[in-house]
């Protein structure tokens, strides 16, 4: 059983909440979201807002806060082999009320089908809010190139 080691990133000005499934091995080692160099999350977010791709954790936090984006994951703890989403078992979801009660989230997005699956299974009925599923920024999602990802993710700017 692995417990999620990264606290949620949000503040009172957050308007958009993006949820992944559970941090990868690289993210757990880095102690921050989307820590694997091949994950395209930071490149996509930077491109959407015409900003430089952040390299450090403070730069990543600043990018999200400037653009009123909150970030966390659906899963609080689970059994997982490495970073394999397909191996996830014995899920305990994160309590999103910590974010929702202290910010002004207008829209919730999930990064990929695994996050969507666990959001629908554990979270949606509790908070009574739907989430829009965006294509995963994971390198495993090879069917989506950067151009297609950026186009699909533009929806978060409309929230």
Protein backbone atom coordinates (compact mmCIF):
# COMPACT_ATOMS: atom_id res chain seq x y z
CA UNK A 1 0.00 0.00 0.00
CA UNK A 2 1.43 3.36 -1.05
CA UNK A 3 0.06 6.61 0.35
CA UNK A 4 0.05 9.68 -1.90
CA UNK A 5 3.11 11.70 -0.82
CA UNK A 6 2.31 15.03 -2.51
CA UNK A 7 -0.03 17.63 -1.00
CA UNK A 8 -2.62 19.27 -3.25
CA UNK A 9 -1.61 22.48 -4.97
CA UNK A 10 -4.30 25.17 -4.83
CA UNK A 11 -5.16 28.52 -3.33
CA UNK A 12 -8.30 30.61 -2.84
CA UNK A 13 -8.02 31.93 -6.42
CA UNK A 14 -8.01 28.48 -8.06
CA UNK A 15 -10.76 28.14 -10.67
CA UNK A 16 -9.78 24.93 -12.47
CA UNK A 17 -8.97 21.60 -10.80
CA UNK A 18 -6.92 19.06 -12.75
CA UNK A 19 -6.75 15.56 -11.30
CA UNK A 20 -4.39 12.77 -12.26
CA UNK A 21 -4.80 9.22 -11.02
CA UNK A 22 -1.79 8.57 -8.75
CA UNK A 23 1.82 9.81 -8.89
CA UNK A 24 4.31 7.78 -10.89
CA UNK A 25 7.50 6.44 -9.32
CA UNK A 26 9.38 9.45 -10.74
CA UNK A 27 6.81 11.89 -9.34
CA UNK A 28 6.94 10.22 -5.93
CA UNK A 29 10.75 10.48 -5.98
CA UNK A 30 10.59 14.14 -7.03
CA UNK A 31 7.84 14.79 -4.48
CA UNK A 32 5.88 16.71 -7.12
CA UNK A 33 3.35 16.13 -9.88
CA UNK A 34 4.34 14.92 -13.34
CA UNK A 35 7.97 14.35 -12.42
CA UNK A 36 8.75 11.99 -15.30
CA UNK A 37 10.72 13.86 -17.98
CA UNK A 38 8.68 12.24 -20.76
CA UNK A 39 5.31 13.32 -19.35
CA UNK A 40 4.00 16.20 -21.43
CA UNK A 41 1.85 17.86 -18.75
CA UNK A 42 4.15 20.83 -18.10
CA UNK A 43 4.76 21.42 -21.82
CA UNK A 44 1.01 21.38 -22.52
CA UNK A 45 0.14 23.80 -19.69
CA UNK A 46 2.97 26.16 -20.65
CA UNK A 47 1.88 26.12 -24.30
CA UNK A 48 -1.74 26.86 -23.41
CA UNK A 49 -0.79 29.99 -21.53
CA UNK A 50 2.09 31.09 -23.81
CA UNK A 51 4.65 30.65 -21.06
CA UNK A 52 8.07 29.07 -20.76
CA UNK A 53 8.11 25.39 -19.78
CA UNK A 54 8.90 25.35 -16.06
CA UNK A 55 11.84 23.30 -14.83
CA UNK A 56 11.83 23.66 -11.06
CA UNK A 57 9.07 22.90 -8.59
CA UNK A 58 8.75 26.61 -7.63
CA UNK A 59 8.42 27.49 -11.33
CA UNK A 60 5.76 24.79 -11.80
CA UNK A 61 3.80 25.99 -8.77
CA UNK A 62 3.98 29.59 -9.97
CA UNK A 63 2.75 28.65 -13.46
CA UNK A 64 -0.29 26.91 -12.02
CA UNK A 65 -1.10 29.64 -9.50
CA UNK A 66 -0.77 32.43 -12.11
CA UNK A 67 -3.30 30.61 -14.22
CA UNK A 68 -5.66 29.72 -11.35
CA UNK A 69 -5.12 25.98 -11.70
CA UNK A 70 -5.35 23.57 -8.76
CA UNK A 71 -3.64 20.19 -9.10
CA UNK A 72 -4.00 16.90 -7.28
CA UNK A 73 -4.85 13.24 -7.88
CA UNK A 74 -7.99 11.17 -7.47
CA UNK A 75 -6.30 8.43 -5.42
CA UNK A 76 -5.06 8.91 -1.84
CA UNK A 77 -3.59 5.41 -1.46
CA UNK A 78 -3.47 2.16 -3.38
CA UNK A 79 -1.48 -0.92 -4.18
CA UNK A 80 0.47 -0.26 -7.37
CA UNK A 81 3.35 -1.96 -9.16
CA UNK A 82 5.82 0.70 -10.25
CA UNK A 83 3.88 3.32 -12.19
CA UNK A 84 1.50 0.92 -13.91
CA UNK A 85 -2.07 2.26 -13.88
CA UNK A 86 -3.36 -1.19 -14.82
CA UNK A 87 -1.92 -2.62 -11.58
CA UNK A 88 -3.82 -0.22 -9.27
CA UNK A 89 -5.83 -2.04 -6.59
CA UNK A 90 -7.28 -1.36 -3.12
CA UNK A 91 -8.00 2.30 -3.83
CA UNK A 92 -8.80 4.93 -1.22
CA UNK A 93 -9.77 8.21 -2.89
CA UNK A 94 -8.54 11.67 -1.93
CA UNK A 95 -11.04 13.95 -0.20
CA UNK A 96 -11.44 16.85 -2.63
CA UNK A 97 -13.40 18.93 -0.11
CA UNK A 98 -10.11 20.36 1.15
CA UNK A 99 -9.78 22.12 -2.23
CA UNK A 100 -13.43 22.69 -3.06
CA UNK A 101 -14.23 24.29 0.31
CA UNK A 102 -11.40 26.83 0.14
CA UNK A 103 -11.26 27.84 -3.52
CA UNK A 104 -13.65 28.74 -6.31
CA UNK A 105 -13.33 25.74 -8.59
CA UNK A 106 -15.55 26.22 -11.61
CA UNK A 107 -14.51 23.13 -13.56
CA UNK A 108 -12.89 19.78 -12.83
CA UNK A 109 -10.78 17.92 -15.38
CA UNK A 110 -9.17 14.51 -15.19
CA UNK A 111 -5.90 13.75 -16.96
CA UNK A 112 -6.64 10.51 -18.78
CA UNK A 113 -8.93 7.50 -18.61
CA UNK A 114 -7.51 6.01 -15.40
CA UNK A 115 -8.17 9.22 -13.47
CA UNK A 116 -11.65 9.33 -15.01
CA UNK A 117 -12.36 5.73 -14.02
CA UNK A 118 -11.52 6.28 -10.35
CA UNK A 119 -13.14 9.73 -10.24
CA UNK A 120 -16.43 8.26 -11.49
CA UNK A 121 -16.17 5.25 -9.19
CA UNK A 122 -15.29 7.06 -5.94
CA UNK A 123 -15.58 10.82 -6.14
CA UNK A 124 -18.30 12.01 -8.48
CA UNK A 125 -21.21 10.78 -6.38
CA UNK A 126 -19.74 12.25 -3.18
CA UNK A 127 -19.08 15.77 -4.44
CA UNK A 128 -21.89 15.69 -7.02
CA UNK A 129 -19.79 17.26 -9.75
CA UNK A 130 -18.83 15.78 -13.08
CA UNK A 131 -15.31 15.94 -14.44
CA UNK A 132 -14.31 16.36 -18.05
CA UNK A 133 -11.80 13.78 -19.24
CA UNK A 134 -8.83 15.12 -21.16
CA UNK A 135 -6.40 12.93 -23.09
CA UNK A 136 -3.55 11.74 -20.90
CA UNK A 137 -0.27 13.62 -21.08
CA UNK A 138 1.56 10.39 -20.25
CA UNK A 139 4.17 9.19 -22.73
CA UNK A 140 2.21 5.92 -22.80
CA UNK A 141 -0.51 7.81 -24.68
CA UNK A 142 1.46 7.79 -27.92
CA UNK A 143 -1.66 8.20 -30.06
CA UNK A 144 -1.78 11.86 -29.03
CA UNK A 145 1.05 14.07 -30.26
CA UNK A 146 1.78 17.45 -28.65
CA UNK A 147 -0.27 19.39 -31.17
CA UNK A 148 -3.38 17.25 -30.59
CA UNK A 149 -2.89 17.36 -26.80
CA UNK A 150 -2.64 21.15 -26.75
CA UNK A 151 -5.74 21.46 -28.91
CA UNK A 152 -7.76 19.15 -26.64
CA UNK A 153 -6.52 20.80 -23.46
CA UNK A 154 -7.49 24.31 -24.65
CA UNK A 155 -10.86 23.72 -23.02
CA UNK A 156 -9.37 24.48 -19.59
CA UNK A 157 -8.84 28.10 -20.67
CA UNK A 158 -12.58 28.50 -21.17
CA UNK A 159 -13.38 27.59 -17.57
